[in-house]
Protein backbone atom coordinates (compact mmCIF):
# COMPACT_ATOMS: atom_id res chain seq x y z
CA MET A 1 -0.06 -0.06 -0.04
CA ASN A 2 1.11 3.63 -0.93
CA LEU A 3 0.92 5.82 1.94
CA SER A 4 2.55 8.82 0.31
CA LEU A 5 0.73 11.97 0.69
CA GLY A 6 2.93 13.79 -1.77
CA ASN A 7 3.99 17.45 -1.38
CA PRO A 8 1.36 19.64 0.73
CA ALA A 9 -0.14 22.12 -0.68
CA LEU A 10 1.81 26.06 0.23
CA PRO A 11 -0.15 29.07 0.47
CA PRO A 12 0.20 31.38 -2.26
CA ILE A 13 2.52 34.08 -2.08
CA ASN A 14 1.23 37.34 -2.85
CA PRO A 15 4.41 39.09 -4.13
CA ASP A 16 4.22 43.15 -3.79
CA ASN A 17 4.50 44.73 -6.66
CA THR A 18 3.46 48.33 -5.58
CA LYS A 19 5.73 50.83 -6.38
CA PRO A 20 6.16 53.36 -3.40
CA ILE A 21 5.19 57.09 -3.60
CA ALA A 22 8.09 59.58 -4.24
CA ILE A 23 7.80 62.90 -5.11
CA ILE A 24 10.22 65.98 -4.88
CA GLY A 25 8.69 68.55 -2.29
CA TYR A 26 11.51 70.71 -3.13
CA PRO A 27 12.40 72.77 -5.05
CA PHE A 28 10.27 73.35 -8.15
CA THR A 29 11.21 73.04 -11.60
CA GLY A 30 12.40 76.26 -12.90
CA ASN A 31 13.89 77.14 -9.72
CA THR A 32 17.41 78.03 -9.39
CA PHE A 33 20.29 76.29 -7.04
CA ALA A 34 21.54 77.86 -3.77
CA HIS A 35 25.58 78.47 -3.90
CA PRO A 36 27.36 76.55 -2.65
CA SER A 37 25.37 74.32 -1.33
CA ASP A 38 21.63 72.96 -1.57
CA THR A 39 19.21 70.10 -0.58
CA ILE A 40 16.76 68.09 -2.07
CA TYR A 41 13.54 67.40 0.14
CA ALA A 42 11.90 63.87 -1.00
CA LYS A 43 8.49 63.29 0.13
CA VAL A 44 8.05 59.05 -0.19
CA SER A 45 5.97 56.76 1.22
CA ASP A 46 5.33 52.92 0.74
CA ASN A 47 2.15 50.22 1.60
CA SER A 48 4.77 48.41 3.30
CA LEU A 49 5.13 51.94 5.58
CA ALA A 50 9.24 51.20 4.82
CA ILE A 51 11.33 52.53 2.52
CA ASN A 52 14.48 51.14 1.81
CA ARG A 53 16.34 54.17 0.24
CA VAL A 54 16.32 57.39 -1.69
CA GLU A 55 18.49 57.89 -4.14
CA LEU A 56 19.80 61.57 -5.63
CA TRP A 57 20.72 61.73 -9.57
CA ILE A 58 21.95 64.67 -11.41
CA ASP A 59 22.24 64.89 -14.87
CA GLY A 60 22.33 60.64 -15.15
CA SER A 61 24.62 60.58 -12.10
CA HIS A 62 24.46 58.83 -8.84
CA THR A 63 25.40 61.26 -5.96
CA THR A 64 23.74 60.62 -2.79
CA THR A 65 21.55 58.38 -0.85
CA SER A 66 19.43 58.95 2.22
CA THR A 67 18.13 55.55 4.09
CA THR A 68 16.25 57.43 7.04
CA TRP A 69 13.51 60.08 7.45
CA PRO A 70 13.30 62.58 6.71
CA TYR A 71 14.88 62.19 3.11
CA LYS A 72 16.94 65.31 2.64
CA LEU A 73 19.34 64.63 0.16
CA PRO A 74 22.24 67.33 0.00
CA VAL A 75 23.84 69.14 -3.22
CA ASN A 76 27.74 70.59 -3.73
CA THR A 77 26.36 72.86 -6.36
CA THR A 78 29.96 73.98 -6.67
CA LEU A 79 30.13 70.76 -8.57
CA LEU A 80 27.93 71.71 -11.25
CA ASN A 81 28.09 73.93 -14.03
CA GLY A 82 26.13 76.78 -15.01
CA GLY A 83 22.59 75.92 -17.04
CA ASN A 84 20.00 73.12 -16.29
CA HIS A 85 20.25 70.26 -14.89
CA GLN A 86 18.11 67.36 -14.35
CA VAL A 87 17.43 66.32 -10.61
CA VAL A 88 15.59 62.87 -10.06
CA ILE A 89 14.86 60.86 -6.98
CA ARG A 90 14.59 57.08 -6.63
CA ALA A 91 12.80 55.46 -4.37
CA TYR A 92 13.06 51.85 -3.42
CA ASP A 93 10.92 49.65 -1.04
CA PRO A 94 11.90 46.46 0.82
CA THR A 95 11.27 44.27 -1.96
CA GLY A 96 13.31 46.15 -4.84
CA ASN A 97 9.91 48.44 -6.37
CA LEU A 98 11.11 51.30 -7.36
CA ASN A 99 9.66 55.06 -8.01
CA SER A 100 11.00 58.18 -9.33
CA ASP A 101 10.11 62.21 -9.70
CA THR A 102 12.09 64.70 -11.41
CA VAL A 103 12.45 68.39 -11.29
CA THR A 104 14.65 70.41 -13.68
CA LEU A 105 17.12 73.20 -11.60
CA TYR A 106 19.34 75.85 -12.79
CA LYS A 107 22.68 76.56 -11.59
CA ASN A 108 23.47 80.41 -11.79
CA GLY A 109 25.89 80.60 -8.51
CA ASN A 110 23.44 82.43 -6.60
CA GLY A 111 19.69 82.73 -5.93
CA ARG A 112 17.36 80.17 -4.34
CA TYR A 113 14.22 78.93 -4.35
CA ALA A 114 12.31 79.23 -1.26
CA SER A 115 13.14 76.33 1.70
CA PRO A 116 10.06 75.24 3.89
CA ASN A 117 10.84 77.31 6.49
CA ASP A 118 10.11 80.15 4.30
CA ASN A 119 6.65 82.14 4.83
CA SER A 120 7.37 83.13 1.06
CA THR A 121 7.08 79.54 -0.12
CA GLU A 122 4.18 78.49 -2.93
CA THR A 123 3.09 75.97 -0.51
CA ASP A 124 1.86 78.47 2.15
CA MET A 125 -0.35 80.04 -0.78
CA ILE A 126 -2.36 77.01 -1.35
CA ASN A 127 -5.43 76.38 1.37
CA LEU A 128 -7.12 73.14 1.23
CA TYR A 129 -10.60 72.98 3.32
CA PRO A 130 -12.23 71.53 5.19
CA ASN A 131 -8.92 69.15 5.98
CA PRO A 132 -9.99 66.38 7.78
CA THR A 133 -12.97 66.08 5.28
CA THR A 134 -15.57 63.84 4.95
CA GLY A 135 -15.80 63.87 1.08
CA ILE A 136 -16.22 67.29 -0.44
CA LEU A 137 -12.64 69.62 -0.41
CA THR A 138 -11.82 72.80 -1.72
CA ILE A 139 -8.56 73.66 -2.95
CA SER A 140 -7.92 77.53 -3.22
CA GLY A 141 -4.45 78.75 -4.86
CA SER A 142 -3.50 80.56 -7.99
CA ASN A 143 -1.58 79.43 -10.93
CA ILE A 144 -2.57 75.58 -10.43
CA LYS A 145 -2.76 73.97 -13.59
CA THR A 146 -3.19 69.78 -12.66
CA ILE A 147 -4.79 68.04 -9.08
CA ALA A 148 -3.47 64.91 -8.67
CA VAL A 149 -4.41 62.57 -5.36
CA TYR A 150 -2.54 59.38 -4.33
CA ASN A 151 -3.51 56.83 -1.82
CA LEU A 152 -0.60 55.32 0.20
CA LEU A 153 -0.34 52.39 -1.99
CA GLY A 154 0.79 54.62 -4.29
CA GLU A 155 -2.34 54.55 -6.38
CA LEU A 156 -4.16 57.50 -8.33
CA VAL A 157 -7.46 57.71 -7.13
CA TYR A 158 -8.54 61.08 -8.46
CA GLN A 159 -7.18 63.36 -11.61
CA SER A 160 -8.02 66.50 -13.32
CA ALA A 161 -7.27 69.83 -14.94
CA THR A 162 -8.52 73.24 -13.96
CA GLN A 163 -10.01 75.72 -15.30
CA PRO A 164 -7.40 78.94 -16.43
CA GLY A 165 -7.98 81.72 -14.07
CA ASN A 166 -9.93 79.61 -11.72
CA ASP A 167 -8.23 80.17 -8.30
CA LYS A 168 -10.44 77.60 -6.39
CA THR A 169 -11.90 73.84 -7.49
CA THR A 170 -13.69 71.47 -5.49
CA ILE A 171 -13.19 67.99 -5.85
CA ASP A 172 -15.10 64.77 -4.25
CA LEU A 173 -13.43 61.95 -2.51
CA SER A 174 -16.88 60.95 -1.07
CA SER A 175 -16.09 57.49 -2.06
CA ARG A 176 -12.77 56.28 -0.77
CA ARG A 177 -11.99 55.01 2.58
CA ALA A 178 -10.95 56.74 5.52
CA GLY A 179 -6.99 57.38 5.85
CA ILE A 180 -4.24 59.40 4.55
CA TYR A 181 -3.85 60.90 1.14
CA LEU A 182 -1.66 62.84 -0.74
CA LEU A 183 -2.37 65.77 -2.76
CA LYS A 184 -0.24 66.46 -5.72
CA LEU A 185 -0.80 69.84 -7.04
CA THR A 186 1.13 70.95 -10.52
CA THR A 187 1.78 74.69 -10.53
CA GLU A 188 3.51 77.12 -13.20
CA GLN A 189 6.42 77.33 -10.70
CA GLY A 190 6.43 73.46 -10.08
CA VAL A 191 5.08 70.70 -8.09
CA ILE A 192 3.36 71.08 -4.02
CA VAL A 193 2.35 68.46 -2.23
CA LYS A 194 0.06 68.08 0.45
CA LYS A 195 -1.67 65.73 3.01
CA ILE A 196 -5.52 65.03 2.91
CA VAL A 197 -7.00 63.30 6.09
CA LYS A 198 -10.28 61.18 4.68
CA GLN A 199 -12.93 60.62 7.56
CA GLU A 200 -15.69 58.71 7.28
């Protein structure tokens, strides 16, 4: 009598194929590097609640890596020639999923984009209300071109373009689950990222 049971069935493994969210929060495309050094501020998150590393690439060359929050990536601008430079962040989660974001910055040896601590930043001129919200959210601010909302899995859950000259836009997140979402606004100066709290 053959009592062999064969190989027991193994439970299925669900691989993590979700890319992390990767956004350059500061500076904005078209801004000018500070001299002799500057900092790139990366806003990253992942559905695993962990980020393995964030790399900074300038003009196709890897310059530095950050492995701890907050992800601030220094730049020695004395090594850059005058003119435009492509700045890319690459965020990796623990399973190797990759996402990136890109801005173009200018080097002329002087001048600086507004830092997150400056009261004059364009970020401070964007208002969200009510936030937390149960669904209807009003976005007030000038020069907003596009609106995108991401969940913490990095999935796009809302996207729209604004009407020229319209400084106030309303979006509806009523059908979305309660939780934290990232609002990405594209303006004439670059990209602005804000947090939305959705409640039931």
